[in-house]
């Protein structure tokens, strides 16, 4: 399912944020690419869930976030989110790229993939998708995207 989500993000979503996708057209294209219909349906549901997370009232998001909050992962989350990824998520929160709300969205997105432990590079892509789809996180998205691109090019600040 993760491969389908990445394919859609790279092919459609990142290109034009306002673009409305025809689900049947996308499903047909993905099936032609060799993806299974059941996995396509799961990926589309995952993306729909991601979009619905962003529809939360911005006022309630702000009041729910606490500067002093600290995230404790349960055993199931620890099995699915590597220590390296958890540390990276904490680093991004300390760097003010992730808020308490977007951190929880990232964790929810990882857990809803219901796949084994993801490597850090996959988690970074999921973080990018969460920030990209959040209208409140425009600056954080650009900062994180720049961070990823600088790192890939070998520029470390």
Foldseek 3Di string as FASTA:
>chain_A
DLVLLVCCCVPPCVVDVPDDDDLVVSLVVVVVVPDDSVVSVLSVVLVVVLLVLQPPDPVVVVVPFDPPDDDDDDPVLPFAEDPVQVVVLVVCVVVVLDTPSLSVSLSVSSVSVVDGHDDNVSSLVSSLVSLSSHPVRPVSNVVSVVVVVCVVVPHDD
